[in-house]
Amino acid sequence: MDMCNTVKHGCEYQCVNTPGSYYCICPEGQLLQEDSKTCGTCKSANIDLVLLIDGSKSVRPQNFELVKKFVNQVVDSLDVSAHGTRIGLVQYSSRVRTEFPLNMYHTAEDIKAAVMKVDYMEKGTMTGVALKHMLENSFSEAEGARPASRNIPRVGLVFTDGRSQDDISEYAKKAKEAGITMYAVGVGKAVEDELREIASEPVEKHFYYTTDFSAINTIAENLKLNVCP
C-alpha cells in the first residue's frame, strides 16, 4: 500500500513507504528532528552539553569575562530547549563548582544571563578533579542528563589556560570510554599535550588552541560546525 500518497504524512522533505507504514527522510546534511517529520541543520541537534571552565588565578578577571562571552557564543549556536539541547556549566580552580546543572535552564536567554552572573573563583587548576566531577555528577540523570537509552549525544567542553596541577589521564580516558565526546579549548599557557589527551578522536577536530584570550571568539565560531552528533 502506498501510504505516502494516501495519508497526510507531514514529511517536510520526503516520505518513504514501508510495508503498512512509512517514515520521513531529510536531504543530506540535515537531521530529522524529534517530531520525526521536520528537517533541521545541526543547530537544532539534541545534545547534553557540559562546559568546564577554568577559573584559576592565571586567567585574570578581565579574561574571565571573555571566557563567559565565549560560552555564550557557543550557547547562541545551539538550539536550547528542554527537548533540544541542554547546557550545564561547571567552574573549576582548586575545587569544582557546578554553576548550573543540565536541567536548570531551558532557554538560551536564561542560560546566557546565568553565565554572566558567574563569579570568578581564582586559585589553582585542578583539571583532573573537574573531569571526574563532570563524569560522576554533571552527566548524571539527577543533574538533568537524559537517560543513556535515549542515545542523546553527551558532549563535554573543557576550557583552560594552564597546565593542570593534578593528573588528567584517568578521567580524560574514562569520560571518552563513557561515550562523552570531549572538546578541549586552550588559551595562553595551556599545554597542548594535555589538551590532546582530553580531546576525542579525531583530535584535530576536537582540540583548539590560541595564544590570546581575545582570539577565543574565532574558536567559538569554528566550534559551531562540530557540535553535531
N, C-alpha and C. Protein backbone atom coordinates (compact mmCIF):
# COMPACT_ATOMS: atom_id res chain seq x y z
N MET A 1 0.84 -1.20 0.00
CA MET A 1 0.00 0.00 0.00
C MET A 1 0.88 1.24 0.00
N ASP A 2 0.50 2.19 -0.84
CA ASP A 2 1.30 3.41 -0.95
C ASP A 2 0.84 4.43 0.09
N MET A 3 1.40 4.30 1.30
CA MET A 3 0.98 5.18 2.41
C MET A 3 1.33 6.65 2.13
N CYS A 4 2.48 6.87 1.50
CA CYS A 4 2.93 8.25 1.31
C CYS A 4 1.92 9.05 0.48
N ASN A 5 1.20 8.36 -0.41
CA ASN A 5 0.24 9.09 -1.23
C ASN A 5 -1.18 9.03 -0.70
N THR A 6 -1.40 8.23 0.35
CA THR A 6 -2.79 8.09 0.82
C THR A 6 -3.01 8.74 2.18
N VAL A 7 -1.95 9.03 2.93
CA VAL A 7 -2.16 9.66 4.24
C VAL A 7 -1.46 11.02 4.26
N LYS A 8 -1.90 11.84 5.22
CA LYS A 8 -1.22 13.13 5.42
C LYS A 8 0.02 12.83 6.26
N HIS A 9 1.12 12.57 5.58
CA HIS A 9 2.30 12.13 6.34
C HIS A 9 3.03 13.29 7.00
N GLY A 10 2.93 14.47 6.46
CA GLY A 10 3.56 15.64 7.10
C GLY A 10 5.07 15.70 6.96
N CYS A 11 5.65 14.82 6.13
CA CYS A 11 7.12 14.86 5.97
C CYS A 11 7.52 16.15 5.27
N GLU A 12 8.47 16.83 5.87
CA GLU A 12 8.90 18.10 5.28
C GLU A 12 9.64 17.89 3.96
N TYR A 13 10.43 16.83 3.88
CA TYR A 13 11.26 16.65 2.70
C TYR A 13 10.77 15.49 1.84
N GLN A 14 10.78 14.29 2.40
CA GLN A 14 10.40 13.13 1.58
C GLN A 14 9.85 12.01 2.45
N CYS A 15 8.80 11.36 1.91
CA CYS A 15 8.18 10.24 2.60
C CYS A 15 8.63 8.95 1.93
N VAL A 16 8.92 7.93 2.73
CA VAL A 16 9.36 6.64 2.20
C VAL A 16 8.40 5.56 2.68
N ASN A 17 7.86 4.77 1.73
CA ASN A 17 6.93 3.70 2.10
C ASN A 17 7.65 2.51 2.72
N THR A 18 7.00 1.90 3.73
CA THR A 18 7.44 0.60 4.25
C THR A 18 6.17 -0.25 4.28
N PRO A 19 6.27 -1.56 4.44
CA PRO A 19 5.05 -2.38 4.45
C PRO A 19 4.08 -1.92 5.54
N GLY A 20 2.96 -1.38 5.13
CA GLY A 20 1.93 -0.95 6.08
C GLY A 20 2.23 0.33 6.83
N SER A 21 3.33 0.99 6.49
CA SER A 21 3.65 2.23 7.21
C SER A 21 4.55 3.12 6.33
N TYR A 22 5.20 4.10 6.95
CA TYR A 22 6.08 4.99 6.20
C TYR A 22 7.01 5.69 7.21
N TYR A 23 8.06 6.32 6.69
CA TYR A 23 8.88 7.18 7.55
C TYR A 23 9.37 8.34 6.71
N CYS A 24 9.86 9.37 7.38
CA CYS A 24 10.32 10.58 6.69
C CYS A 24 11.85 10.58 6.61
N ILE A 25 12.36 11.14 5.54
CA ILE A 25 13.82 11.34 5.46
C ILE A 25 14.11 12.80 5.13
N CYS A 26 15.37 13.18 5.35
CA CYS A 26 15.79 14.56 5.12
C CYS A 26 16.91 14.60 4.09
N PRO A 27 17.10 15.76 3.45
CA PRO A 27 18.21 15.86 2.49
C PRO A 27 19.55 15.68 3.20
N GLU A 28 20.56 15.34 2.45
CA GLU A 28 21.89 15.12 3.03
C GLU A 28 22.35 16.37 3.78
N GLY A 29 22.95 16.16 4.93
CA GLY A 29 23.44 17.31 5.69
C GLY A 29 22.41 17.86 6.67
N GLN A 30 21.17 17.34 6.60
CA GLN A 30 20.16 17.77 7.56
C GLN A 30 19.71 16.59 8.41
N LEU A 31 19.18 16.90 9.59
CA LEU A 31 18.79 15.85 10.52
C LEU A 31 17.29 15.85 10.73
N LEU A 32 16.73 14.67 10.87
CA LEU A 32 15.31 14.56 11.19
C LEU A 32 15.14 15.01 12.64
N GLN A 33 14.19 15.91 12.88
CA GLN A 33 14.01 16.44 14.22
C GLN A 33 13.17 15.49 15.07
N GLU A 34 12.94 15.90 16.33
CA GLU A 34 12.30 14.99 17.27
C GLU A 34 10.86 14.61 16.87
N ASP A 35 10.20 15.47 16.08
CA ASP A 35 8.83 15.14 15.66
C ASP A 35 8.79 14.09 14.55
N SER A 36 9.99 13.65 14.09
CA SER A 36 10.13 12.64 13.03
C SER A 36 9.57 13.07 11.68
N LYS A 37 9.34 14.38 11.51
CA LYS A 37 8.79 14.88 10.24
C LYS A 37 9.61 16.03 9.65
N THR A 38 10.00 16.96 10.52
CA THR A 38 10.70 18.14 10.00
C THR A 38 12.21 17.90 9.96
N CYS A 39 12.87 18.67 9.12
CA CYS A 39 14.32 18.56 8.95
C CYS A 39 14.98 19.80 9.53
N GLY A 40 16.18 19.64 10.03
CA GLY A 40 16.89 20.80 10.56
C GLY A 40 18.37 20.63 10.37
N THR A 41 19.09 21.73 10.48
CA THR A 41 20.54 21.62 10.41
C THR A 41 21.03 21.17 11.77
N CYS A 42 22.30 21.04 11.89
CA CYS A 42 22.87 20.56 13.14
C CYS A 42 22.57 21.50 14.30
N LYS A 43 22.28 22.76 14.01
CA LYS A 43 21.99 23.74 15.05
C LYS A 43 20.93 23.21 16.01
N SER A 44 19.97 22.49 15.46
CA SER A 44 18.88 22.05 16.32
C SER A 44 19.07 20.62 16.79
N ALA A 45 20.29 20.12 16.65
CA ALA A 45 20.55 18.76 17.13
C ALA A 45 20.35 18.72 18.65
N ASN A 46 19.91 17.60 19.15
CA ASN A 46 19.75 17.46 20.60
C ASN A 46 21.04 16.93 21.18
N ILE A 47 21.62 17.69 22.10
CA ILE A 47 22.79 17.19 22.82
C ILE A 47 22.69 17.61 24.28
N ASP A 48 23.34 16.86 25.14
CA ASP A 48 23.55 17.29 26.53
C ASP A 48 24.99 17.79 26.59
N LEU A 49 25.15 19.09 26.79
CA LEU A 49 26.47 19.72 26.73
C LEU A 49 26.85 20.27 28.10
N VAL A 50 28.01 19.83 28.59
CA VAL A 50 28.53 20.38 29.84
C VAL A 50 29.83 21.11 29.54
N LEU A 51 29.89 22.37 29.96
CA LEU A 51 31.09 23.19 29.76
C LEU A 51 31.86 23.26 31.07
N LEU A 52 33.15 22.92 31.02
CA LEU A 52 34.01 23.04 32.21
C LEU A 52 34.92 24.23 31.97
N ILE A 53 34.77 25.27 32.78
CA ILE A 53 35.61 26.45 32.54
C ILE A 53 36.59 26.67 33.68
N ASP A 54 37.78 27.01 33.30
CA ASP A 54 38.90 27.21 34.20
C ASP A 54 38.75 28.59 34.87
N GLY A 55 38.62 28.57 36.20
CA GLY A 55 38.52 29.84 36.92
C GLY A 55 39.77 30.11 37.74
N SER A 56 40.93 29.58 37.27
CA SER A 56 42.15 29.73 38.07
C SER A 56 42.69 31.16 38.01
N LYS A 57 43.59 31.43 38.96
CA LYS A 57 44.11 32.79 39.16
C LYS A 57 44.75 33.36 37.89
N SER A 58 45.40 32.48 37.11
CA SER A 58 46.13 32.96 35.94
C SER A 58 45.22 33.50 34.83
N VAL A 59 43.93 33.13 34.88
CA VAL A 59 43.01 33.59 33.83
C VAL A 59 42.85 35.12 33.89
N ARG A 60 42.77 35.63 35.13
CA ARG A 60 42.58 37.06 35.41
C ARG A 60 41.15 37.53 35.12
N PRO A 61 40.68 38.49 35.93
CA PRO A 61 39.27 38.87 35.86
C PRO A 61 38.79 39.33 34.48
N GLN A 62 39.57 40.17 33.80
CA GLN A 62 39.07 40.67 32.50
C GLN A 62 38.98 39.54 31.47
N ASN A 63 39.89 38.57 31.57
CA ASN A 63 39.84 37.43 30.65
C ASN A 63 38.69 36.49 31.00
N PHE A 64 38.37 36.40 32.29
CA PHE A 64 37.26 35.54 32.69
C PHE A 64 35.95 36.05 32.07
N GLU A 65 35.85 37.37 31.94
CA GLU A 65 34.66 37.94 31.26
C GLU A 65 34.64 37.50 29.79
N LEU A 66 35.81 37.42 29.17
CA LEU A 66 35.89 36.94 27.77
C LEU A 66 35.50 35.47 27.67
N VAL A 67 35.88 34.69 28.69
CA VAL A 67 35.51 33.27 28.71
C VAL A 67 33.99 33.14 28.77
N LYS A 68 33.35 33.98 29.58
CA LYS A 68 31.89 33.93 29.69
C LYS A 68 31.23 34.31 28.36
N LYS A 69 31.83 35.26 27.68
CA LYS A 69 31.29 35.63 26.35
C LYS A 69 31.47 34.48 25.36
N PHE A 70 32.60 33.79 25.48
CA PHE A 70 32.86 32.62 24.63
C PHE A 70 31.77 31.56 24.87
N VAL A 71 31.48 31.29 26.14
CA VAL A 71 30.43 30.32 26.48
C VAL A 71 29.10 30.75 25.84
N ASN A 72 28.79 32.03 25.93
CA ASN A 72 27.51 32.49 25.39
C ASN A 72 27.46 32.44 23.86
N GLN A 73 28.61 32.57 23.23
CA GLN A 73 28.64 32.39 21.76
C GLN A 73 28.32 30.94 21.39
N VAL A 74 28.86 30.01 22.19
CA VAL A 74 28.56 28.60 21.96
C VAL A 74 27.06 28.35 22.17
N VAL A 75 26.51 28.94 23.23
CA VAL A 75 25.08 28.79 23.53
C VAL A 75 24.24 29.29 22.35
N ASP A 76 24.67 30.44 21.78
CA ASP A 76 23.92 31.02 20.66
C ASP A 76 23.89 30.13 19.43
N SER A 77 24.88 29.25 19.31
CA SER A 77 24.95 28.44 18.09
C SER A 77 24.13 27.15 18.22
N LEU A 78 23.46 26.98 19.36
CA LEU A 78 22.72 25.74 19.60
C LEU A 78 21.24 26.02 19.81
N ASP A 79 20.45 24.99 19.63
CA ASP A 79 19.01 25.12 19.79
C ASP A 79 18.65 24.63 21.19
N VAL A 80 18.60 25.57 22.13
CA VAL A 80 18.41 25.21 23.53
C VAL A 80 16.92 25.07 23.85
N SER A 81 16.54 23.93 24.40
CA SER A 81 15.18 23.76 24.91
C SER A 81 15.18 22.49 25.76
N ALA A 82 14.09 22.26 26.49
CA ALA A 82 14.02 21.07 27.35
C ALA A 82 14.17 19.81 26.52
N HIS A 83 13.63 19.81 25.29
CA HIS A 83 13.71 18.61 24.44
C HIS A 83 14.89 18.67 23.48
N GLY A 84 15.42 19.87 23.26
CA GLY A 84 16.54 20.02 22.34
C GLY A 84 17.86 19.90 23.06
N THR A 85 18.69 20.94 22.97
CA THR A 85 19.99 20.90 23.63
C THR A 85 19.89 21.42 25.06
N ARG A 86 20.49 20.67 25.98
CA ARG A 86 20.58 21.13 27.37
C ARG A 86 22.02 21.51 27.66
N ILE A 87 22.20 22.53 28.46
CA ILE A 87 23.57 23.01 28.75
C ILE A 87 23.76 23.13 30.26
N GLY A 88 24.88 22.59 30.73
CA GLY A 88 25.27 22.74 32.13
C GLY A 88 26.64 23.41 32.19
N LEU A 89 26.91 24.11 33.28
CA LEU A 89 28.19 24.83 33.40
C LEU A 89 28.86 24.50 34.73
N VAL A 90 30.15 24.18 34.65
CA VAL A 90 30.94 23.86 35.84
C VAL A 90 32.19 24.74 35.80
N GLN A 91 32.50 25.37 36.93
CA GLN A 91 33.75 26.14 37.00
C GLN A 91 34.70 25.39 37.94
N TYR A 92 35.97 25.41 37.59
CA TYR A 92 36.93 24.73 38.47
C TYR A 92 38.17 25.58 38.66
N SER A 93 38.77 25.45 39.83
CA SER A 93 40.09 26.03 40.09
C SER A 93 40.78 25.00 41.00
N SER A 94 40.96 25.34 42.29
CA SER A 94 41.48 24.31 43.21
C SER A 94 40.36 23.37 43.63
N ARG A 95 39.11 23.81 43.45
CA ARG A 95 37.96 22.94 43.71
C ARG A 95 37.02 23.05 42.52
N VAL A 96 35.90 22.36 42.58
CA VAL A 96 34.98 22.32 41.44
C VAL A 96 33.61 22.78 41.91
N ARG A 97 32.96 23.60 41.11
CA ARG A 97 31.63 24.09 41.48
C ARG A 97 30.70 24.00 40.27
N THR A 98 29.56 23.33 40.46
CA THR A 98 28.54 23.33 39.40
C THR A 98 27.85 24.69 39.45
N GLU A 99 27.97 25.46 38.38
CA GLU A 99 27.30 26.77 38.35
C GLU A 99 25.81 26.58 38.06
N PHE A 100 25.51 25.71 37.12
CA PHE A 100 24.12 25.26 36.93
C PHE A 100 24.13 23.92 36.22
N PRO A 101 23.24 22.98 36.64
CA PRO A 101 23.20 21.66 36.01
C PRO A 101 22.42 21.69 34.70
N LEU A 102 22.44 20.56 33.99
CA LEU A 102 21.79 20.46 32.68
C LEU A 102 20.29 20.76 32.70
N ASN A 103 19.64 20.46 33.83
CA ASN A 103 18.18 20.61 33.83
C ASN A 103 17.69 21.92 34.45
N MET A 104 18.59 22.88 34.64
CA MET A 104 18.16 24.09 35.34
C MET A 104 17.49 25.12 34.42
N TYR A 105 18.08 25.34 33.26
CA TYR A 105 17.54 26.38 32.36
C TYR A 105 17.17 25.76 31.02
N HIS A 106 16.06 26.24 30.46
CA HIS A 106 15.59 25.65 29.20
C HIS A 106 15.52 26.64 28.04
N THR A 107 16.04 27.86 28.25
CA THR A 107 16.11 28.79 27.12
C THR A 107 17.51 29.37 27.05
N ALA A 108 17.92 29.74 25.85
CA ALA A 108 19.26 30.33 25.67
C ALA A 108 19.38 31.61 26.49
N GLU A 109 18.30 32.40 26.54
CA GLU A 109 18.32 33.68 27.27
C GLU A 109 18.65 33.45 28.75
N ASP A 110 17.96 32.46 29.35
CA ASP A 110 18.18 32.19 30.78
C ASP A 110 19.61 31.70 31.03
N ILE A 111 20.10 30.86 30.12
CA ILE A 111 21.46 30.33 30.29
C ILE A 111 22.48 31.47 30.20
N LYS A 112 22.30 32.32 29.20
CA LYS A 112 23.27 33.42 28.99
C LYS A 112 23.27 34.38 30.17
N ALA A 113 22.09 34.63 30.73
CA ALA A 113 22.01 35.52 31.90
C ALA A 113 22.73 34.87 33.09
N ALA A 114 22.53 33.55 33.26
CA ALA A 114 23.19 32.83 34.36
C ALA A 114 24.70 32.83 34.18
N VAL A 115 25.16 32.67 32.94
CA VAL A 115 26.61 32.66 32.67
C VAL A 115 27.22 34.00 33.07
N MET A 116 26.55 35.10 32.72
CA MET A 116 27.13 36.41 33.02
C MET A 116 27.20 36.68 34.53
N LYS A 117 26.39 35.97 35.31
CA LYS A 117 26.39 36.17 36.78
C LYS A 117 27.44 35.30 37.49
N VAL A 118 28.10 34.43 36.77
CA VAL A 118 29.06 33.51 37.42
C VAL A 118 30.22 34.30 38.03
N ASP A 119 30.52 34.00 39.30
CA ASP A 119 31.64 34.67 39.97
C ASP A 119 32.92 33.89 39.74
N TYR A 120 33.96 34.66 39.51
CA TYR A 120 35.29 34.10 39.22
C TYR A 120 35.93 33.58 40.51
N MET A 121 36.38 32.32 40.50
CA MET A 121 36.92 31.69 41.70
C MET A 121 38.33 32.14 42.08
N GLU A 122 39.21 32.24 41.10
CA GLU A 122 40.67 32.37 41.32
C GLU A 122 41.19 31.10 41.99
N LYS A 123 42.45 31.00 42.26
CA LYS A 123 43.14 29.83 42.83
C LYS A 123 43.78 28.93 41.76
N GLY A 124 43.80 27.60 42.01
CA GLY A 124 44.62 26.69 41.19
C GLY A 124 43.93 26.14 39.95
N THR A 125 44.53 25.07 39.39
CA THR A 125 43.98 24.47 38.15
C THR A 125 43.91 22.96 38.31
N MET A 126 42.80 22.49 38.86
CA MET A 126 42.65 21.04 39.08
C MET A 126 41.76 20.44 37.99
N THR A 127 42.31 20.32 36.79
CA THR A 127 41.51 19.86 35.66
C THR A 127 41.06 18.41 35.84
N GLY A 128 41.92 17.58 36.44
CA GLY A 128 41.57 16.17 36.65
C GLY A 128 40.34 16.03 37.54
N VAL A 129 40.31 16.78 38.65
CA VAL A 129 39.17 16.75 39.56
C VAL A 129 37.91 17.23 38.83
N ALA A 130 38.08 18.23 37.98
CA ALA A 130 36.93 18.77 37.22
C ALA A 130 36.37 17.71 36.27
N LEU A 131 37.25 16.96 35.60
CA LEU A 131 36.80 15.91 34.68
C LEU A 131 36.06 14.82 35.45
N LYS A 132 36.56 14.49 36.64
CA LYS A 132 35.92 13.47 37.48
C LYS A 132 34.51 13.94 37.86
N HIS A 133 34.41 15.21 38.26
CA HIS A 133 33.12 15.80 38.65
C HIS A 133 32.14 15.76 37.47
N MET A 134 32.64 16.11 36.29
CA MET A 134 31.78 16.12 35.09
C MET A 134 31.21 14.72 34.85
N LEU A 135 32.11 13.72 34.91
CA LEU A 135 31.71 12.35 34.61
C LEU A 135 30.74 11.81 35.66
N GLU A 136 31.04 12.05 36.94
CA GLU A 136 30.25 11.42 38.01
C GLU A 136 29.00 12.20 38.38
N ASN A 137 29.05 13.52 38.20
CA ASN A 137 27.90 14.34 38.63
C ASN A 137 27.16 15.00 37.47
N SER A 138 27.90 15.75 36.64
CA SER A 138 27.23 16.57 35.63
C SER A 138 26.42 15.75 34.64
N PHE A 139 26.93 14.56 34.28
CA PHE A 139 26.19 13.73 33.33
C PHE A 139 25.32 12.68 34.02
N SER A 140 24.96 12.95 35.28
CA SER A 140 24.05 12.02 35.97
C SER A 140 22.62 12.46 35.66
N GLU A 141 21.69 11.50 35.71
CA GLU A 141 20.29 11.86 35.49
C GLU A 141 19.79 12.79 36.58
N ALA A 142 20.37 12.70 37.78
CA ALA A 142 19.97 13.59 38.88
C ALA A 142 20.23 15.05 38.52
N GLU A 143 21.26 15.31 37.71
CA GLU A 143 21.56 16.69 37.32
C GLU A 143 21.02 17.02 35.93
N GLY A 144 20.15 16.14 35.40
CA GLY A 144 19.45 16.52 34.18
C GLY A 144 19.94 15.90 32.89
N ALA A 145 20.94 15.02 32.95
CA ALA A 145 21.35 14.33 31.71
C ALA A 145 20.22 13.35 31.35
N ARG A 146 19.93 13.24 30.08
CA ARG A 146 18.86 12.33 29.69
C ARG A 146 19.38 10.90 29.68
N PRO A 147 18.48 9.93 29.92
CA PRO A 147 18.94 8.54 30.07
C PRO A 147 19.76 8.07 28.87
N ALA A 148 20.78 7.30 29.14
CA ALA A 148 21.67 6.80 28.08
C ALA A 148 20.88 6.05 27.01
N SER A 149 19.78 5.41 27.42
CA SER A 149 18.99 4.62 26.48
C SER A 149 18.41 5.48 25.35
N ARG A 150 18.34 6.79 25.58
CA ARG A 150 17.78 7.66 24.53
C ARG A 150 18.83 8.05 23.48
N ASN A 151 20.07 7.66 23.72
CA ASN A 151 21.15 7.93 22.75
C ASN A 151 21.30 9.40 22.38
N ILE A 152 21.05 10.28 23.33
CA ILE A 152 21.28 11.70 23.05
C ILE A 152 22.77 11.96 23.28
N PRO A 153 23.45 12.50 22.27
CA PRO A 153 24.91 12.67 22.42
C PRO A 153 25.27 13.51 23.64
N ARG A 154 26.29 13.05 24.36
CA ARG A 154 26.81 13.80 25.51
C ARG A 154 28.12 14.43 25.08
N VAL A 155 28.22 15.73 25.30
CA VAL A 155 29.40 16.48 24.85
C VAL A 155 29.97 17.25 26.04
N GLY A 156 31.28 17.11 26.24
CA GLY A 156 31.95 17.89 27.28
C GLY A 156 32.95 18.82 26.63
N LEU A 157 32.97 20.07 27.08
CA LEU A 157 33.95 21.02 26.52
C LEU A 157 34.76 21.60 27.68
N VAL A 158 36.06 21.39 27.63
CA VAL A 158 36.95 21.88 28.69
C VAL A 158 37.68 23.12 28.17
N PHE A 159 37.61 24.19 28.96
CA PHE A 159 38.30 25.42 28.58
C PHE A 159 39.34 25.71 29.65
N THR A 160 40.61 25.78 29.25
CA THR A 160 41.66 26.02 30.26
C THR A 160 42.75 26.95 29.74
N ASP A 161 43.44 27.58 30.69
CA ASP A 161 44.52 28.48 30.25
C ASP A 161 45.86 28.05 30.83
N GLY A 162 45.92 26.84 31.41
CA GLY A 162 47.22 26.47 32.00
C GLY A 162 47.37 24.98 32.21
N ARG A 163 48.55 24.61 32.66
CA ARG A 163 48.83 23.20 32.95
C ARG A 163 48.02 22.76 34.16
N SER A 164 47.48 21.56 34.09
CA SER A 164 46.73 21.05 35.24
C SER A 164 47.68 20.73 36.37
N GLN A 165 47.22 20.97 37.62
CA GLN A 165 48.06 20.65 38.79
C GLN A 165 47.81 19.23 39.28
N ASP A 166 46.88 18.54 38.62
CA ASP A 166 46.68 17.14 39.00
C ASP A 166 46.66 16.29 37.73
N ASP A 167 46.54 14.99 37.92
CA ASP A 167 46.59 14.09 36.77
C ASP A 167 45.26 14.09 36.03
N ILE A 168 45.32 14.27 34.72
CA ILE A 168 44.08 14.28 33.96
C ILE A 168 43.83 12.96 33.22
N SER A 169 44.89 12.13 33.07
CA SER A 169 44.76 10.98 32.15
C SER A 169 43.62 10.05 32.50
N GLU A 170 43.48 9.73 33.80
CA GLU A 170 42.49 8.72 34.18
C GLU A 170 41.08 9.15 33.78
N TYR A 171 40.71 10.39 34.14
CA TYR A 171 39.33 10.80 33.90
C TYR A 171 39.09 11.31 32.48
N ALA A 172 40.15 11.73 31.80
CA ALA A 172 40.00 12.08 30.38
C ALA A 172 39.65 10.79 29.62
N LYS A 173 40.32 9.71 29.99
CA LYS A 173 40.10 8.42 29.35
C LYS A 173 38.71 7.88 29.71
N LYS A 174 38.35 7.96 31.00
CA LYS A 174 37.07 7.43 31.45
C LYS A 174 35.89 8.17 30.80
N ALA A 175 36.04 9.47 30.63
CA ALA A 175 34.95 10.26 30.03
C ALA A 175 34.69 9.77 28.61
N LYS A 176 35.78 9.57 27.86
CA LYS A 176 35.62 9.11 26.47
C LYS A 176 35.09 7.68 26.42
N GLU A 177 35.55 6.85 27.36
CA GLU A 177 35.04 5.47 27.41
C GLU A 177 33.55 5.44 27.74
N ALA A 178 33.10 6.47 28.46
CA ALA A 178 31.67 6.54 28.81
C ALA A 178 30.84 7.10 27.65
N GLY A 179 31.51 7.34 26.52
CA GLY A 179 30.77 7.79 25.34
C GLY A 179 30.58 9.30 25.25
N ILE A 180 31.30 10.05 26.09
CA ILE A 180 31.18 11.51 26.02
C ILE A 180 32.15 12.03 24.96
N THR A 181 31.65 12.85 24.06
CA THR A 181 32.53 13.47 23.06
C THR A 181 33.19 14.67 23.71
N MET A 182 34.52 14.65 23.77
CA MET A 182 35.25 15.68 24.52
C MET A 182 35.94 16.69 23.59
N TYR A 183 35.69 17.96 23.88
CA TYR A 183 36.39 19.05 23.20
C TYR A 183 37.32 19.72 24.19
N ALA A 184 38.49 20.13 23.73
CA ALA A 184 39.43 20.83 24.60
C ALA A 184 39.82 22.15 23.94
N VAL A 185 39.65 23.23 24.67
CA VAL A 185 39.99 24.56 24.16
C VAL A 185 41.02 25.15 25.11
N GLY A 186 42.16 25.51 24.57
CA GLY A 186 43.23 26.04 25.42
C GLY A 186 43.65 27.43 24.98
N VAL A 187 44.04 28.24 25.97
CA VAL A 187 44.50 29.60 25.71
C VAL A 187 45.78 29.81 26.49
N GLY A 188 46.63 30.69 25.97
CA GLY A 188 47.80 31.12 26.74
C GLY A 188 48.75 30.00 27.08
N LYS A 189 48.88 29.69 28.39
CA LYS A 189 49.87 28.71 28.84
C LYS A 189 49.31 27.29 28.89
N ALA A 190 48.17 27.07 28.29
CA ALA A 190 47.61 25.71 28.25
C ALA A 190 48.60 24.80 27.54
N VAL A 191 48.62 23.53 27.94
CA VAL A 191 49.61 22.58 27.44
C VAL A 191 48.97 21.72 26.35
N GLU A 192 49.56 21.79 25.17
CA GLU A 192 48.96 21.10 24.02
C GLU A 192 48.79 19.60 24.27
N ASP A 193 49.78 18.96 24.89
CA ASP A 193 49.69 17.52 25.13
C ASP A 193 48.48 17.17 26.01
N GLU A 194 48.23 18.03 27.01
CA GLU A 194 47.08 17.80 27.89
C GLU A 194 45.77 17.96 27.11
N LEU A 195 45.73 19.00 26.31
CA LEU A 195 44.50 19.25 25.53
C LEU A 195 44.22 18.07 24.60
N ARG A 196 45.28 17.57 23.98
CA ARG A 196 45.11 16.44 23.07
C ARG A 196 44.65 15.20 23.82
N GLU A 197 45.11 15.08 25.06
CA GLU A 197 44.73 13.91 25.86
C GLU A 197 43.24 13.97 26.23
N ILE A 198 42.74 15.18 26.43
CA ILE A 198 41.32 15.35 26.76
C ILE A 198 40.44 15.15 25.53
N ALA A 199 40.90 15.64 24.38
CA ALA A 199 40.07 15.68 23.17
C ALA A 199 39.75 14.29 22.61
N SER A 200 38.53 14.18 22.06
CA SER A 200 38.12 12.94 21.40
C SER A 200 38.79 12.81 20.04
N GLU A 201 38.73 11.61 19.48
CA GLU A 201 39.24 11.37 18.12
C GLU A 201 38.19 11.84 17.10
N PRO A 202 38.56 12.31 15.91
CA PRO A 202 39.92 12.72 15.54
C PRO A 202 40.29 13.99 16.31
N VAL A 203 41.45 13.95 16.96
CA VAL A 203 41.87 15.03 17.85
C VAL A 203 41.82 16.40 17.17
N GLU A 204 42.23 16.45 15.90
CA GLU A 204 42.28 17.77 15.23
C GLU A 204 40.93 18.46 15.18
N LYS A 205 39.85 17.68 15.23
CA LYS A 205 38.52 18.29 15.18
C LYS A 205 37.98 18.65 16.54
N HIS A 206 38.66 18.21 17.59
CA HIS A 206 38.12 18.39 18.94
C HIS A 206 39.06 19.18 19.85
N PHE A 207 40.08 19.75 19.24
CA PHE A 207 41.06 20.45 20.08
C PHE A 207 41.39 21.80 19.42
N TYR A 208 41.36 22.86 20.23
CA TYR A 208 41.62 24.21 19.71
C TYR A 208 42.58 24.91 20.67
N TYR A 209 43.48 25.70 20.10
CA TYR A 209 44.40 26.43 20.95
C TYR A 209 44.65 27.81 20.36
N THR A 210 44.69 28.81 21.23
CA THR A 210 45.09 30.14 20.77
C THR A 210 45.95 30.76 21.87
N THR A 211 46.86 31.62 21.48
CA THR A 211 47.75 32.20 22.50
C THR A 211 47.04 33.30 23.27
N ASP A 212 45.98 33.83 22.68
CA ASP A 212 45.45 35.09 23.18
C ASP A 212 43.95 34.99 23.47
N PHE A 213 43.57 35.44 24.66
CA PHE A 213 42.15 35.38 25.04
C PHE A 213 41.24 36.11 24.06
N SER A 214 41.72 37.21 23.49
CA SER A 214 40.82 37.98 22.62
C SER A 214 40.50 37.22 21.33
N ALA A 215 41.25 36.13 21.08
CA ALA A 215 41.01 35.36 19.84
C ALA A 215 40.05 34.19 20.06
N ILE A 216 39.54 34.03 21.30
CA ILE A 216 38.71 32.84 21.52
C ILE A 216 37.36 32.93 20.83
N ASN A 217 36.93 34.15 20.45
CA ASN A 217 35.63 34.20 19.76
C ASN A 217 35.71 33.52 18.39
N THR A 218 36.90 33.48 17.79
CA THR A 218 37.02 32.77 16.50
C THR A 218 36.88 31.27 16.72
N ILE A 219 37.33 30.79 17.89
CA ILE A 219 37.15 29.37 18.20
C ILE A 219 35.66 29.06 18.36
N ALA A 220 34.95 29.96 19.03
CA ALA A 220 33.50 29.76 19.20
C ALA A 220 32.83 29.65 17.85
N GLU A 221 33.27 30.46 16.90
CA GLU A 221 32.70 30.40 15.55
C GLU A 221 32.95 29.03 14.90
N ASN A 222 34.19 28.55 15.04
CA ASN A 222 34.55 27.26 14.40
C ASN A 222 33.88 26.08 15.08
N LEU A 223 33.66 26.19 16.38
CA LEU A 223 33.07 25.09 17.12
C LEU A 223 31.68 24.73 16.61
N LYS A 224 30.96 25.74 16.17
CA LYS A 224 29.58 25.53 15.71
C LYS A 224 29.48 24.38 14.72
N LEU A 225 30.48 24.26 13.89
CA LEU A 225 30.42 23.27 12.83
C LEU A 225 30.46 21.86 13.39
N ASN A 226 31.06 21.72 14.57
CA ASN A 226 31.38 20.37 15.00
C ASN A 226 30.54 19.81 16.13
N VAL A 227 29.74 20.63 16.79
CA VAL A 227 28.98 20.09 17.91
C VAL A 227 27.72 19.40 17.37
N CYS A 228 27.92 18.54 16.39
CA CYS A 228 26.82 17.80 15.77
C CYS A 228 27.02 16.34 16.11
N PRO A 229 25.92 15.62 16.36
CA PRO A 229 26.11 14.19 16.58
C PRO A 229 26.56 13.52 15.30
